[in-house]
PDB file of N, CA and C in Angstrom:
ATOM      1  N   MET A   1      17.630 -53.401 -33.622  1.00  0.00           N
ATOM      2  CA  MET A   1      17.575 -52.082 -34.215  1.00  0.00           C
ATOM      3  C   MET A   1      18.970 -51.724 -34.751  1.00  0.00           C
ATOM      4  N   PRO A   2      19.011 -50.893 -35.768  1.00  0.00           N
ATOM      5  CA  PRO A   2      20.304 -50.546 -36.344  1.00  0.00           C
ATOM      6  C   PRO A   2      21.212 -49.788 -35.382  1.00  0.00           C
ATOM      7  N   ASP A   3      20.638 -49.099 -34.426  1.00  0.00           N
ATOM      8  CA  ASP A   3      21.435 -48.327 -33.480  1.00  0.00           C
ATOM      9  C   ASP A   3      21.771 -49.113 -32.212  1.00  0.00           C
ATOM     10  N   GLY A   4      21.422 -50.393 -32.176  1.00  0.00           N
ATOM     11  CA  GLY A   4      21.737 -51.232 -31.027  1.00  0.00           C
ATOM     12  C   GLY A   4      20.792 -51.099 -29.858  1.00  0.00           C
ATOM     13  N   LYS A   5      19.709 -50.348 -30.009  1.00  0.00           N
ATOM     14  CA  LYS A   5      18.759 -50.171 -28.912  1.00  0.00           C
ATOM     15  C   LYS A   5      17.785 -51.352 -28.850  1.00  0.00           C
ATOM     16  N   ARG A   6      17.252 -51.582 -27.677  1.00  0.00           N
ATOM     17  CA  ARG A   6      16.269 -52.646 -27.477  1.00  0.00           C
ATOM     18  C   ARG A   6      14.914 -52.244 -28.033  1.00  0.00           C
ATOM     19  N   LEU A   7      14.189 -53.248 -28.520  1.00  0.00           N
ATOM     20  CA  LEU A   7      12.802 -53.027 -28.899  1.00  0.00           C
ATOM     21  C   LEU A   7      11.954 -53.066 -27.641  1.00  0.00           C
ATOM     22  N   PRO A   8      10.967 -52.200 -27.527  1.00  0.00           N
ATOM     23  CA  PRO A   8      10.088 -52.272 -26.356  1.00  0.00           C
ATOM     24  C   PRO A   8       9.218 -53.521 -26.430  1.00  0.00           C
ATOM     25  N   ASP A   9       8.917 -54.089 -25.280  1.00  0.00           N
ATOM     26  CA  ASP A   9       8.025 -55.237 -25.185  1.00  0.00           C
ATOM     27  C   ASP A   9       6.606 -54.730 -25.396  1.00  0.00           C
ATOM     28  N   THR A  10       5.972 -55.133 -26.493  1.00  0.00           N
ATOM     29  CA  THR A  10       4.623 -54.670 -26.812  1.00  0.00           C
ATOM     30  C   THR A  10       3.582 -55.756 -26.579  1.00  0.00           C
ATOM     31  N   GLY A  11       3.993 -56.839 -25.930  1.00  0.00           N
ATOM     32  CA  GLY A  11       3.073 -57.954 -25.685  1.00  0.00           C
ATOM     33  C   GLY A  11       2.124 -57.694 -24.541  1.00  0.00           C
ATOM     34  N   ASN A  12       1.206 -58.610 -24.362  1.00  0.00           N
ATOM     35  CA  ASN A  12       0.231 -58.562 -23.284  1.00  0.00           C
ATOM     36  C   ASN A  12       0.955 -58.839 -21.953  1.00  0.00           C
ATOM     37  N   PRO A  13       0.974 -57.893 -21.020  1.00  0.00           N
ATOM     38  CA  PRO A  13       1.716 -58.097 -19.773  1.00  0.00           C
ATOM     39  C   PRO A  13       1.131 -59.188 -18.880  1.00  0.00           C
ATOM     40  N   THR A  14      -0.088 -59.637 -19.147  1.00  0.00           N
ATOM     41  CA  THR A  14      -0.668 -60.708 -18.334  1.00  0.00           C
ATOM     42  C   THR A  14      -0.508 -62.071 -18.981  1.00  0.00           C
ATOM     43  N   HIS A  15       0.134 -62.134 -20.143  1.00  0.00           N
ATOM     44  CA  HIS A  15       0.260 -63.388 -20.888  1.00  0.00           C
ATOM     45  C   HIS A  15       1.272 -64.336 -20.241  1.00  0.00           C
ATOM     46  N   HIS A  16       2.390 -63.830 -19.775  1.00  0.00           N
ATOM     47  CA  HIS A  16       3.450 -64.599 -19.113  1.00  0.00           C
ATOM     48  C   HIS A  16       3.952 -65.778 -19.942  1.00  0.00           C
ATOM     49  N   GLY A  17       3.927 -65.663 -21.260  1.00  0.00           N
ATOM     50  CA  GLY A  17       4.517 -66.703 -22.095  1.00  0.00           C
ATOM     51  C   GLY A  17       3.600 -67.849 -22.457  1.00  0.00           C
ATOM     52  N   GLY A  18       2.385 -67.848 -22.008  1.00  0.00           N
ATOM     53  CA  GLY A  18       1.456 -68.908 -22.408  1.00  0.00           C
ATOM     54  C   GLY A  18       1.231 -69.940 -21.329  1.00  0.00           C
ATOM     55  N   LEU A  19       0.615 -71.029 -21.741  1.00  0.00           N
ATOM     56  CA  LEU A  19       0.292 -72.104 -20.813  1.00  0.00           C
ATOM     57  C   LEU A  19       1.542 -72.852 -20.371  1.00  0.00           C
ATOM     58  N   VAL A  20       1.546 -73.292 -19.145  1.00  0.00           N
ATOM     59  CA  VAL A  20       2.655 -74.078 -18.625  1.00  0.00           C
ATOM     60  C   VAL A  20       2.547 -75.494 -19.176  1.00  0.00           C
ATOM     61  N   VAL A  21       3.665 -75.996 -19.660  1.00  0.00           N
ATOM     62  CA  VAL A  21       3.727 -77.356 -20.177  1.00  0.00           C
ATOM     63  C   VAL A  21       4.793 -78.098 -19.389  1.00  0.00           C
ATOM     64  N   ILE A  22       4.438 -79.233 -18.868  1.00  0.00           N
ATOM     65  CA  ILE A  22       5.411 -80.056 -18.157  1.00  0.00           C
ATOM     66  C   ILE A  22       6.089 -80.953 -19.177  1.00  0.00           C
ATOM     67  N   GLN A  23       7.392 -80.858 -19.260  1.00  0.00           N
ATOM     68  CA  GLN A  23       8.173 -81.668 -20.184  1.00  0.00           C
ATOM     69  C   GLN A  23       9.218 -82.416 -19.378  1.00  0.00           C
ATOM     70  N   ILE A  24       9.105 -83.718 -19.335  1.00  0.00           N
ATOM     71  CA  ILE A  24      10.074 -84.525 -18.597  1.00  0.00           C
ATOM     72  C   ILE A  24      11.229 -84.850 -19.531  1.00  0.00           C
ATOM     73  N   LEU A  25      12.433 -84.471 -19.114  1.00  0.00           N
ATOM     74  CA  LEU A  25      13.632 -84.746 -19.896  1.00  0.00           C
ATOM     75  C   LEU A  25      14.549 -85.671 -19.125  1.00  0.00           C
ATOM     76  N   ARG A  26      15.053 -86.642 -19.813  1.00  0.00           N
ATOM     77  CA  ARG A  26      16.021 -87.561 -19.240  1.00  0.00           C
ATOM     78  C   ARG A  26      17.372 -87.291 -19.901  1.00  0.00           C
ATOM     79  N   PRO A  27      18.461 -87.746 -19.323  1.00  0.00           N
ATOM     80  CA  PRO A  27      19.774 -87.488 -19.929  1.00  0.00           C
ATOM     81  C   PRO A  27      19.785 -87.855 -21.416  1.00  0.00           C
ATOM     82  N   GLY A  28      20.258 -86.921 -22.229  1.00  0.00           N
ATOM     83  CA  GLY A  28      20.334 -87.136 -23.670  1.00  0.00           C
ATOM     84  C   GLY A  28      19.106 -86.692 -24.441  1.00  0.00           C
ATOM     85  N   ASP A  29      17.993 -86.403 -23.748  1.00  0.00           N
ATOM     86  CA  ASP A  29      16.776 -85.942 -24.426  1.00  0.00           C
ATOM     87  C   ASP A  29      16.975 -84.521 -24.955  1.00  0.00           C
ATOM     88  N   ILE A  30      16.232 -84.191 -26.003  1.00  0.00           N
ATOM     89  CA  ILE A  30      16.255 -82.860 -26.592  1.00  0.00           C
ATOM     90  C   ILE A  30      14.840 -82.315 -26.594  1.00  0.00           C
ATOM     91  N   PHE A  31      14.697 -81.048 -26.206  1.00  0.00           N
ATOM     92  CA  PHE A  31      13.399 -80.382 -26.214  1.00  0.00           C
ATOM     93  C   PHE A  31      13.515 -79.139 -27.085  1.00  0.00           C
ATOM     94  N   THR A  32      12.594 -78.987 -28.024  1.00  0.00           N
ATOM     95  CA  THR A  32      12.565 -77.835 -28.913  1.00  0.00           C
ATOM     96  C   THR A  32      11.214 -77.169 -28.799  1.00  0.00           C
ATOM     97  N   ALA A  33      11.208 -75.835 -28.754  1.00  0.00           N
ATOM     98  CA  ALA A  33       9.960 -75.082 -28.692  1.00  0.00           C
ATOM     99  C   ALA A  33      10.037 -73.918 -29.672  1.00  0.00           C
ATOM    100  N   GLU A  34       8.931 -73.647 -30.352  1.00  0.00           N
ATOM    101  CA  GLU A  34       8.857 -72.503 -31.242  1.00  0.00           C
ATOM    102  C   GLU A  34       8.023 -71.418 -30.564  1.00  0.00           C
ATOM    103  N   VAL A  35       8.417 -70.163 -30.778  1.00  0.00           N
ATOM    104  CA  VAL A  35       7.674 -69.044 -30.211  1.00  0.00           C
ATOM    105  C   VAL A  35       7.346 -68.051 -31.319  1.00  0.00           C
ATOM    106  N   ASP A  36       6.241 -67.365 -31.166  1.00  0.00           N
ATOM    107  CA  ASP A  36       5.816 -66.324 -32.088  1.00  0.00           C
ATOM    108  C   ASP A  36       6.288 -64.987 -31.518  1.00  0.00           C
ATOM    109  N   LEU A  37       7.367 -64.441 -32.072  1.00  0.00           N
ATOM    110  CA  LEU A  37       7.946 -63.205 -31.532  1.00  0.00           C
ATOM    111  C   LEU A  37       6.990 -62.026 -31.594  1.00  0.00           C
ATOM    112  N   SER A  38       5.996 -62.077 -32.499  1.00  0.00           N
ATOM    113  CA  SER A  38       5.056 -60.959 -32.602  1.00  0.00           C
ATOM    114  C   SER A  38       4.136 -60.859 -31.386  1.00  0.00           C
ATOM    115  N   LYS A  39       4.135 -61.870 -30.515  1.00  0.00           N
ATOM    116  CA  LYS A  39       3.359 -61.776 -29.274  1.00  0.00           C
ATOM    117  C   LYS A  39       4.068 -60.913 -28.233  1.00  0.00           C
ATOM    118  N   TRP A  40       5.349 -60.606 -28.476  1.00  0.00           N
ATOM    119  CA  TRP A  40       6.119 -59.793 -27.537  1.00  0.00           C
ATOM    120  C   TRP A  40       6.658 -58.506 -28.140  1.00  0.00           C
ATOM    121  N   PHE A  41       6.933 -58.523 -29.461  1.00  0.00           N
ATOM    122  CA  PHE A  41       7.595 -57.378 -30.084  1.00  0.00           C
ATOM    123  C   PHE A  41       6.910 -56.990 -31.380  1.00  0.00           C
ATOM    124  N   THR A  42       6.985 -55.697 -31.714  1.00  0.00           N
ATOM    125  CA  THR A  42       6.463 -55.189 -32.975  1.00  0.00           C
ATOM    126  C   THR A  42       7.649 -54.735 -33.820  1.00  0.00           C
ATOM    127  N   PHE A  43       7.896 -55.452 -34.900  1.00  0.00           N
ATOM    128  CA  PHE A  43       8.978 -55.105 -35.809  1.00  0.00           C
ATOM    129  C   PHE A  43       8.409 -54.143 -36.849  1.00  0.00           C
ATOM    130  N   VAL A  44       8.547 -52.844 -36.621  1.00  0.00           N
ATOM    131  CA  VAL A  44       7.871 -51.849 -37.451  1.00  0.00           C
ATOM    132  C   VAL A  44       8.642 -51.486 -38.710  1.00  0.00           C
ATOM    133  N   GLU A  45       9.934 -51.711 -38.727  1.00  0.00           N
ATOM    134  CA  GLU A  45      10.693 -51.349 -39.912  1.00  0.00           C
ATOM    135  C   GLU A  45      11.556 -52.521 -40.369  1.00  0.00           C
ATOM    136  N   PRO A  46      11.692 -52.666 -41.700  1.00  0.00           N
ATOM    137  CA  PRO A  46      12.566 -53.721 -42.210  1.00  0.00           C
ATOM    138  C   PRO A  46      13.989 -53.499 -41.705  1.00  0.00           C
ATOM    139  N   ASN A  47      14.603 -54.549 -41.210  1.00  0.00           N
ATOM    140  CA  ASN A  47      15.957 -54.446 -40.681  1.00  0.00           C
ATOM    141  C   ASN A  47      16.414 -55.820 -40.252  1.00  0.00           C
ATOM    142  N   THR A  48      17.624 -55.881 -39.752  1.00  0.00           N
ATOM    143  CA  THR A  48      18.158 -57.103 -39.176  1.00  0.00           C
ATOM    144  C   THR A  48      18.204 -56.912 -37.669  1.00  0.00           C
ATOM    145  N   TYR A  49      17.656 -57.872 -36.937  1.00  0.00           N
ATOM    146  CA  TYR A  49      17.547 -57.786 -35.480  1.00  0.00           C
ATOM    147  C   TYR A  49      18.276 -58.966 -34.838  1.00  0.00           C
ATOM    148  N   ARG A  50      18.956 -58.699 -33.742  1.00  0.00           N
ATOM    149  CA  ARG A  50      19.549 -59.776 -32.947  1.00  0.00           C
ATOM    150  C   ARG A  50      18.584 -60.081 -31.815  1.00  0.00           C
ATOM    151  N   ILE A  51      18.172 -61.326 -31.715  1.00  0.00           N
ATOM    152  CA  ILE A  51      17.214 -61.754 -30.695  1.00  0.00           C
ATOM    153  C   ILE A  51      17.958 -62.581 -29.651  1.00  0.00           C
ATOM    154  N   THR A  52      17.808 -62.212 -28.398  1.00  0.00           N
ATOM    155  CA  THR A  52      18.354 -62.994 -27.297  1.00  0.00           C
ATOM    156  C   THR A  52      17.185 -63.539 -26.500  1.00  0.00           C
ATOM    157  N   GLY A  53      17.108 -64.844 -26.385  1.00  0.00           N
ATOM    158  CA  GLY A  53      16.018 -65.477 -25.650  1.00  0.00           C
ATOM    159  C   GLY A  53      16.515 -66.148 -24.385  1.00  0.00           C
ATOM    160  N   VAL A  54      15.702 -66.086 -23.346  1.00  0.00           N
ATOM    161  CA  VAL A  54      16.013 -66.751 -22.079  1.00  0.00           C
ATOM    162  C   VAL A  54      14.816 -67.620 -21.716  1.00  0.00           C
ATOM    163  N   PHE A  55      15.083 -68.851 -21.357  1.00  0.00           N
ATOM    164  CA  PHE A  55      14.040 -69.802 -21.027  1.00  0.00           C
ATOM    165  C   PHE A  55      14.286 -70.307 -19.613  1.00  0.00           C
ATOM    166  N   GLU A  56      13.325 -70.083 -18.715  1.00  0.00           N
ATOM    167  CA  GLU A  56      13.468 -70.534 -17.328  1.00  0.00           C
ATOM    168  C   GLU A  56      12.945 -71.955 -17.201  1.00  0.00           C
ATOM    169  N   MET A  57      13.732 -72.797 -16.560  1.00  0.00           N
ATOM    170  CA  MET A  57      13.355 -74.199 -16.389  1.00  0.00           C
ATOM    171  C   MET A  57      13.455 -74.589 -14.916  1.00  0.00           C
ATOM    172  N   PRO A  58      12.344 -74.576 -14.204  1.00  0.00           N
ATOM    173  CA  PRO A  58      12.410 -75.070 -12.830  1.00  0.00           C
ATOM    174  C   PRO A  58      12.590 -76.582 -12.861  1.00  0.00           C
ATOM    175  N   VAL A  59      13.576 -77.069 -12.147  1.00  0.00           N
ATOM    176  CA  VAL A  59      13.837 -78.504 -12.075  1.00  0.00           C
ATOM    177  C   VAL A  59      13.066 -79.049 -10.878  1.00  0.00           C
ATOM    178  N   ILE A  60      12.139 -79.982 -11.182  1.00  0.00           N
ATOM    179  CA  ILE A  60      11.232 -80.522 -10.166  1.00  0.00           C
ATOM    180  C   ILE A  60      11.773 -81.841  -9.637  1.00  0.00           C
ATOM    181  N   ASP A  61      11.547 -82.078  -8.366  1.00  0.00           N
ATOM    182  CA  ASP A  61      11.918 -83.357  -7.761  1.00  0.00           C
ATOM    183  C   ASP A  61      11.247 -84.484  -8.545  1.00  0.00           C
ATOM    184  N   PRO A  62      12.004 -85.415  -9.114  1.00  0.00           N
ATOM    185  CA  PRO A  62      11.404 -86.474  -9.915  1.00  0.00           C
ATOM    186  C   PRO A  62      10.459 -87.384  -9.131  1.00  0.00           C
ATOM    187  N   ALA A  63      10.530 -87.347  -7.813  1.00  0.00           N
ATOM    188  CA  ALA A  63       9.616 -88.150  -6.999  1.00  0.00           C
ATOM    189  C   ALA A  63       8.258 -87.484  -6.840  1.00  0.00           C
ATOM    190  N   SER A  64       8.103 -86.266  -7.350  1.00  0.00           N
ATOM    191  CA  SER A  64       6.844 -85.537  -7.244  1.00  0.00           C
ATOM    192  C   SER A  64       5.767 -86.254  -8.053  1.00  0.00           C
ATOM    193  N   SER A  65       4.660 -86.570  -7.421  1.00  0.00           N
ATOM    194  CA  SER A  65       3.607 -87.324  -8.104  1.00  0.00           C
ATOM    195  C   SER A  65       2.772 -86.459  -9.038  1.00  0.00           C
ATOM    196  N   ASP A  66       2.706 -85.138  -8.776  1.00  0.00           N
ATOM    197  CA  ASP A  66       1.865 -84.276  -9.612  1.00  0.00           C
ATOM    198  C   ASP A  66       2.660 -83.482 -10.639  1.00  0.00           C
ATOM    199  N   GLY A  67       4.013 -83.533 -10.574  1.00  0.00           N
ATOM    200  CA  GLY A  67       4.841 -82.816 -11.529  1.00  0.00           C
ATOM    201  C   GLY A  67       4.989 -81.337 -11.255  1.00  0.00           C
ATOM    202  N   PHE A  68       4.501 -80.860 -10.116  1.00  0.00           N
ATOM    203  CA  PHE A  68       4.562 -79.437  -9.823  1.00  0.00           C
ATOM    204  C   PHE A  68       5.473 -79.087  -8.651  1.00  0.00           C
ATOM    205  N   GLY A  69       6.167 -80.005  -8.094  1.00  0.00           N
ATOM    206  CA  GLY A  69       7.069 -79.596  -7.023  1.00  0.00           C
ATOM    207  C   GLY A  69       7.442 -80.732  -6.114  1.00  0.00           C
ATOM    208  N   PRO A  70       8.343 -80.518  -5.230  1.00  0.00           N
ATOM    209  CA  PRO A  70       9.024 -79.242  -5.010  1.00  0.00           C
ATOM    210  C   PRO A  70      10.096 -78.977  -6.059  1.00  0.00           C
ATOM    211  N   VAL A  71      10.415 -77.683  -6.229  1.00  0.00           N
ATOM    212  CA  VAL A  71      11.465 -77.274  -7.155  1.00  0.00           C
ATOM    213  C   VAL A  71      12.809 -77.515  -6.477  1.00  0.00           C
ATOM    214  N   VAL A  72      13.669 -78.267  -7.142  1.00  0.00           N
ATOM    215  CA  VAL A  72      14.999 -78.560  -6.616  1.00  0.00           C
ATOM    216  C   VAL A  72      15.934 -77.383  -6.895  1.00  0.00           C
ATOM    217  N   TRP A  73      15.873 -76.839  -8.106  1.00  0.00           N
ATOM    218  CA  TRP A  73      16.591 -75.621  -8.467  1.00  0.00           C
ATOM    219  C   TRP A  73      15.993 -75.056  -9.745  1.00  0.00           C
ATOM    220  N   ASP A  74      16.298 -73.790 -10.028  1.00  0.00           N
ATOM    221  CA  ASP A  74      15.881 -73.146 -11.273  1.00  0.00           C
ATOM    222  C   ASP A  74      17.075 -73.094 -12.213  1.00  0.00           C
ATOM    223  N   GLU A  75      16.850 -73.490 -13.436  1.00  0.00           N
ATOM    224  CA  GLU A  75      17.892 -73.464 -14.467  1.00  0.00           C
ATOM    225  C   GLU A  75      17.470 -72.482 -15.546  1.00  0.00           C
ATOM    226  N   LEU A  76      18.424 -71.835 -16.167  1.00  0.00           N
ATOM    227  CA  LEU A  76      18.146 -70.910 -17.265  1.00  0.00           C
ATOM    228  C   LEU A  76      18.910 -71.365 -18.499  1.00  0.00           C
ATOM    229  N   ALA A  77      18.255 -71.279 -19.652  1.00  0.00           N
ATOM    230  CA  ALA A  77      18.918 -71.511 -20.934  1.00  0.00           C
ATOM    231  C   ALA A  77      18.806 -70.211 -21.721  1.00  0.00           C
ATOM    232  N   ALA A  78      19.851 -69.842 -22.420  1.00  0.00           N
ATOM    233  CA  ALA A  78      19.839 -68.618 -23.214  1.00  0.00           C
ATOM    234  C   ALA A  78      20.398 -68.919 -24.591  1.00  0.00           C
ATOM    235  N   GLY A  79      19.905 -68.181 -25.569  1.00  0.00           N
ATOM    236  CA  GLY A  79      20.404 -68.346 -26.927  1.00  0.00           C
ATOM    237  C   GLY A  79      20.183 -67.076 -27.721  1.00  0.00           C
ATOM    238  N   GLU A  80      20.918 -66.946 -28.803  1.00  0.00           N
ATOM    239  CA  GLU A  80      20.777 -65.776 -29.669  1.00  0.00           C
ATOM    240  C   GLU A  80      20.586 -66.226 -31.106  1.00  0.00           C
ATOM    241  N   CYS A  81      19.884 -65.394 -31.861  1.00  0.00           N
ATOM    242  CA  CYS A  81      19.737 -65.628 -33.291  1.00  0.00           C
ATOM    243  C   CYS A  81      19.587 -64.283 -33.989  1.00  0.00           C
ATOM    244  N   ILE A  82      19.722 -64.297 -35.288  1.00  0.00           N
ATOM    245  CA  ILE A  82      19.553 -63.097 -36.107  1.00  0.00           C
ATOM    246  C   ILE A  82      18.271 -63.266 -36.915  1.00  0.00           C
ATOM    247  N   VAL A  83      17.415 -62.230 -36.904  1.00  0.00           N
ATOM    248  CA  VAL A  83      16.157 -62.235 -37.648  1.00  0.00           C
ATOM    249  C   VAL A  83      16.203 -61.085 -38.647  1.00  0.00           C
ATOM    250  N   ARG A  84      15.900 -61.390 -39.887  1.00  0.00           N
ATOM    251  CA  ARG A  84      15.844 -60.340 -40.912  1.00  0.00           C
ATOM    252  C   ARG A  84      14.383 -60.096 -41.253  1.00  0.00           C
ATOM    253  N   VAL A  85      13.923 -58.870 -41.060  1.00  0.00           N
ATOM    254  CA  VAL A  85      12.550 -58.476 -41.362  1.00  0.00           C
ATOM    255  C   VAL A  85      12.564 -57.708 -42.675  1.00  0.00           C
ATOM    256  N   VAL A  86      11.755 -58.165 -43.639  1.00  0.00           N
ATOM    257  CA  VAL A  86      11.695 -57.496 -44.942  1.00  0.00           C
ATOM    258  C   VAL A  86      10.317 -56.898 -45.141  1.00  0.00           C
ATOM    259  N   ALA A  87      10.254 -55.836 -45.943  1.00  0.00           N
ATOM    260  CA  ALA A  87       8.968 -55.194 -46.244  1.00  0.00           C
ATOM    261  C   ALA A  87       8.124 -56.111 -47.117  1.00  0.00           C
ATOM    262  N   ARG A  88       6.824 -56.078 -46.936  1.00  0.00           N
ATOM    263  CA  ARG A  88       5.919 -56.883 -47.770  1.00  0.00           C
ATOM    264  C   ARG A  88       5.999 -56.412 -49.212  1.00  0.00           C
ATOM    265  N   GLY A  89       5.901 -57.388 -50.130  1.00  0.00           N
ATOM    266  CA  GLY A  89       5.884 -57.052 -51.542  1.00  0.00           C
ATOM    267  C   GLY A  89       7.267 -56.854 -52.156  1.00  0.00           C
ATOM    268  N   ARG A  90       8.303 -57.114 -51.390  1.00  0.00           N
ATOM    269  CA  ARG A  90       9.655 -56.960 -51.944  1.00  0.00           C
ATOM    270  C   ARG A  90      10.272 -58.292 -52.218  1.00  0.00           C
TER     271      ARG A  90
END
């Protein structure tokens, strides 16, 4: 927002970010994910917005046969980007 205020979360509170996907990463691997911001926020006016994203990554014991645990530790990744929203037809 131009005044530096946060946009309210207008997404479905029971969605929790979608389906869980197990992604095994080894040293040097890269994982990229795309998200649809309109599932969480409503950009009602054309403007430039700063988006800060946080991604939680539970690190699972590699000896786990089912890929669901035990969790060795929780890791967080954060990043920022700038999004410019323009009016339709311009």
